[in-house]
Amino acid sequence: MPPGPESPGSIHSRLGLTGRGWLFLGFGVAVMAIGLLRGWVAVVQFGALVALLPLAAAALTRNPHAGMSLERDLSARELASGDRLDVTVSVRGRFPRGRSLLLEDDAPPALGGPHRFALNGMSGQGISRSHYRLRVGARGIHRLGPMRIHVIDRFGMVHRVITAGLRDEVIVH
């Protein structure tokens, strides 16, 4: 049985249109309908072009996680309540020039809730790192993860969320 989106090490992708994508799709369909009713071939062709733009954007963002790997390094696995935990997230892979990614690391309220950060100006094959600090609150075993990567195409029409089943445990004394 293949790993699910919540199992460690798995990567799951979900695709959706942004407001701009839905607007282009709706406008294109409406223009095509008007062109069909009036018998205007050029208007139908223009409407089809506008309606197909979100699909083209979805094709451009397809499979952005191919060859991508994520790593999370913690400064410590066991801490006292009130201590600080340094987290380093590394993204390794091949990216188009000028790619920016928004990453969201899920964390319980005892660790400050989810943390969002951006990796800007990624290009080619390489490693990008980001650091953030957590203030540890309540005692217990707390889990960091999964990690979510938000990818938006260059035209702002398609929003893809990639969920990596990367999880770590932190023990607070």
Protein backbone atom coordinates (compact mmCIF):
# COMPACT_ATOMS: atom_id res chain seq x y z
CA MET A 1 0.00 0.00 0.00
CA PRO A 2 1.52 3.39 -0.98
CA PRO A 3 2.23 5.88 1.79
CA GLY A 4 -0.50 8.43 2.48
CA PRO A 5 0.00 12.18 2.71
CA GLU A 6 0.58 11.99 6.47
CA SER A 7 3.13 9.17 6.52
CA PRO A 8 6.77 10.11 7.14
CA GLY A 9 8.78 10.80 4.02
CA SER A 10 5.79 10.94 1.66
CA ILE A 11 5.09 13.90 -0.61
CA HIS A 12 1.51 14.72 -1.60
CA SER A 13 0.41 17.49 -3.97
CA ARG A 14 -2.92 19.34 -4.21
CA LEU A 15 -3.81 21.75 -7.02
CA GLY A 16 -6.34 24.59 -7.05
CA LEU A 17 -7.14 27.74 -8.99
CA THR A 18 -6.68 31.16 -7.44
CA GLY A 19 -9.31 33.89 -7.75
CA ARG A 20 -7.56 35.15 -10.87
CA GLY A 21 -7.59 31.66 -12.36
CA TRP A 22 -11.35 31.27 -11.75
CA LEU A 23 -11.92 34.75 -13.21
CA PHE A 24 -10.06 33.91 -16.42
CA LEU A 25 -11.86 30.58 -16.72
CA GLY A 26 -15.31 32.13 -16.16
CA PHE A 27 -14.65 35.08 -18.46
CA GLY A 28 -13.38 32.78 -21.21
CA VAL A 29 -16.44 30.52 -20.98
CA ALA A 30 -18.79 33.53 -20.98
CA VAL A 31 -17.10 35.04 -24.04
CA MET A 32 -17.26 31.66 -25.81
CA ALA A 33 -20.99 31.39 -25.04
CA ILE A 34 -21.66 34.89 -26.41
CA GLY A 35 -19.62 34.11 -29.52
CA LEU A 36 -21.53 30.87 -30.09
CA LEU A 37 -24.90 32.61 -29.70
CA ARG A 38 -23.94 35.38 -32.13
CA GLY A 39 -22.04 33.12 -34.55
CA TRP A 40 -18.77 35.04 -34.15
CA VAL A 41 -15.96 32.54 -34.69
CA ALA A 42 -13.16 34.94 -33.70
CA VAL A 43 -14.87 35.70 -30.36
CA VAL A 44 -15.29 31.97 -29.66
CA GLN A 45 -11.58 31.43 -30.39
CA PHE A 46 -10.61 34.33 -28.11
CA GLY A 47 -12.83 32.98 -25.31
CA ALA A 48 -11.25 29.53 -25.69
CA LEU A 49 -7.78 31.06 -25.46
CA VAL A 50 -8.66 32.97 -22.27
CA ALA A 51 -10.35 29.90 -20.72
CA LEU A 52 -7.33 27.70 -21.49
CA LEU A 53 -4.82 30.03 -19.80
CA PRO A 54 -5.44 28.60 -16.28
CA LEU A 55 -5.00 25.08 -17.68
CA ALA A 56 -1.71 26.11 -19.28
CA ALA A 57 -0.59 27.61 -15.95
CA ALA A 58 -1.52 24.34 -14.20
CA ALA A 59 0.58 22.42 -16.73
CA LEU A 60 3.55 24.73 -16.03
CA THR A 61 3.38 24.03 -12.28
CA ARG A 62 2.84 20.30 -12.63
CA ASN A 63 5.11 18.05 -10.63
CA PRO A 64 7.16 20.81 -8.95
CA HIS A 65 8.26 18.35 -6.26
CA ALA A 66 10.05 16.00 -8.67
CA GLY A 67 13.62 15.75 -7.48
CA MET A 68 12.95 17.97 -4.46
CA SER A 69 13.88 16.96 -0.94
CA LEU A 70 13.28 18.62 2.41
CA GLU A 71 15.23 18.32 5.64
CA ARG A 72 14.54 19.80 9.05
CA ASP A 73 17.40 20.05 11.57
CA LEU A 74 16.67 20.80 15.23
CA SER A 75 19.20 22.28 17.65
CA ALA A 76 17.98 19.83 20.33
CA ARG A 77 15.42 17.06 20.74
CA GLU A 78 14.97 17.54 24.49
CA LEU A 79 14.49 20.94 26.10
CA ALA A 80 13.33 22.56 29.33
CA SER A 81 10.16 24.61 29.31
CA GLY A 82 10.94 28.22 28.28
CA ASP A 83 14.05 27.31 26.25
CA ARG A 84 14.51 28.24 22.61
CA LEU A 85 14.65 25.73 19.80
CA ASP A 86 16.49 26.62 16.59
CA VAL A 87 15.08 24.99 13.46
CA THR A 88 16.87 24.89 10.09
CA VAL A 89 14.91 23.86 7.01
CA SER A 90 16.82 22.85 3.86
CA VAL A 91 15.23 22.51 0.43
CA ARG A 92 17.27 20.72 -2.19
CA GLY A 93 16.25 20.38 -5.82
CA ARG A 94 16.16 21.78 -9.31
CA PHE A 95 14.09 24.95 -9.73
CA PRO A 96 13.29 27.35 -12.57
CA ARG A 97 15.09 30.69 -12.45
CA GLY A 98 13.68 33.14 -9.93
CA ARG A 99 11.41 30.63 -8.16
CA SER A 100 10.04 31.66 -4.78
CA LEU A 101 8.50 29.18 -2.39
CA LEU A 102 6.38 29.77 0.70
CA LEU A 103 6.95 27.06 3.30
CA GLU A 104 4.70 26.37 6.26
CA ASP A 105 5.94 24.17 9.09
CA ASP A 106 3.07 22.87 11.21
CA ALA A 107 3.56 23.08 14.98
CA PRO A 108 1.25 22.82 18.00
CA PRO A 109 0.34 25.96 20.01
CA ALA A 110 2.83 24.91 22.71
CA LEU A 111 5.59 25.54 20.14
CA GLY A 112 4.09 28.78 18.83
CA GLY A 113 1.78 27.40 16.14
CA PRO A 114 2.55 27.04 12.43
CA HIS A 115 5.58 28.94 11.13
CA ARG A 116 5.68 30.43 7.63
CA PHE A 117 8.76 31.60 5.78
CA ALA A 118 9.73 32.27 2.19
CA LEU A 119 12.68 31.09 0.15
CA ASN A 120 13.21 33.70 -2.58
CA GLY A 121 15.33 33.79 -5.71
CA MET A 122 15.94 30.06 -6.01
CA SER A 123 17.31 28.95 -9.36
CA GLY A 124 19.05 25.99 -10.91
CA GLN A 125 20.06 23.03 -8.84
CA GLY A 126 21.08 23.76 -5.31
CA ILE A 127 20.22 24.01 -1.64
CA SER A 128 18.31 26.81 0.06
CA ARG A 129 18.16 27.08 3.83
CA SER A 130 16.00 29.03 6.23
CA HIS A 131 16.23 29.35 10.01
CA TYR A 132 13.61 30.14 12.59
CA ARG A 133 13.42 30.01 16.38
CA LEU A 134 10.69 28.57 18.60
CA ARG A 135 10.06 29.35 22.25
CA VAL A 136 9.09 26.09 23.92
CA GLY A 137 6.05 26.34 26.20
CA ALA A 138 4.16 23.48 27.83
CA ARG A 139 5.74 20.20 28.89
CA GLY A 140 5.17 17.04 26.91
CA ILE A 141 6.00 15.49 23.57
CA HIS A 142 5.29 17.88 20.70
CA ARG A 143 5.43 17.12 16.99
CA LEU A 144 6.69 19.43 14.26
CA GLY A 145 5.30 18.75 10.81
CA PRO A 146 4.14 18.07 8.25
CA MET A 147 5.80 20.68 6.05
CA ARG A 148 3.68 22.40 3.39
CA ILE A 149 5.14 24.14 0.34
CA HIS A 150 2.95 26.67 -1.47
CA VAL A 151 3.79 27.13 -5.16
CA ILE A 152 2.00 29.76 -7.26
CA ASP A 153 2.58 30.00 -11.01
CA ARG A 154 4.07 33.14 -12.54
CA PHE A 155 0.66 34.38 -13.69
CA GLY A 156 -1.00 33.93 -10.28
CA MET A 157 -3.69 31.58 -11.58
CA VAL A 158 -2.76 28.25 -9.98
CA HIS A 159 -1.94 27.51 -6.35
CA ARG A 160 -0.35 24.13 -5.64
CA VAL A 161 0.18 22.91 -2.06
CA ILE A 162 2.77 20.19 -1.61
CA THR A 163 2.63 18.37 1.72
CA ALA A 164 5.73 16.50 2.83
CA GLY A 165 5.20 13.97 5.61
CA LEU A 166 8.35 15.23 7.36
CA ARG A 167 7.81 15.02 11.15
CA ASP A 168 10.02 15.51 14.19
CA GLU A 169 9.35 15.14 17.92
CA VAL A 170 10.47 17.53 20.63
CA ILE A 171 10.40 16.49 24.30
CA VAL A 172 9.86 19.32 26.77
CA HIS A 173 10.75 18.75 30.47
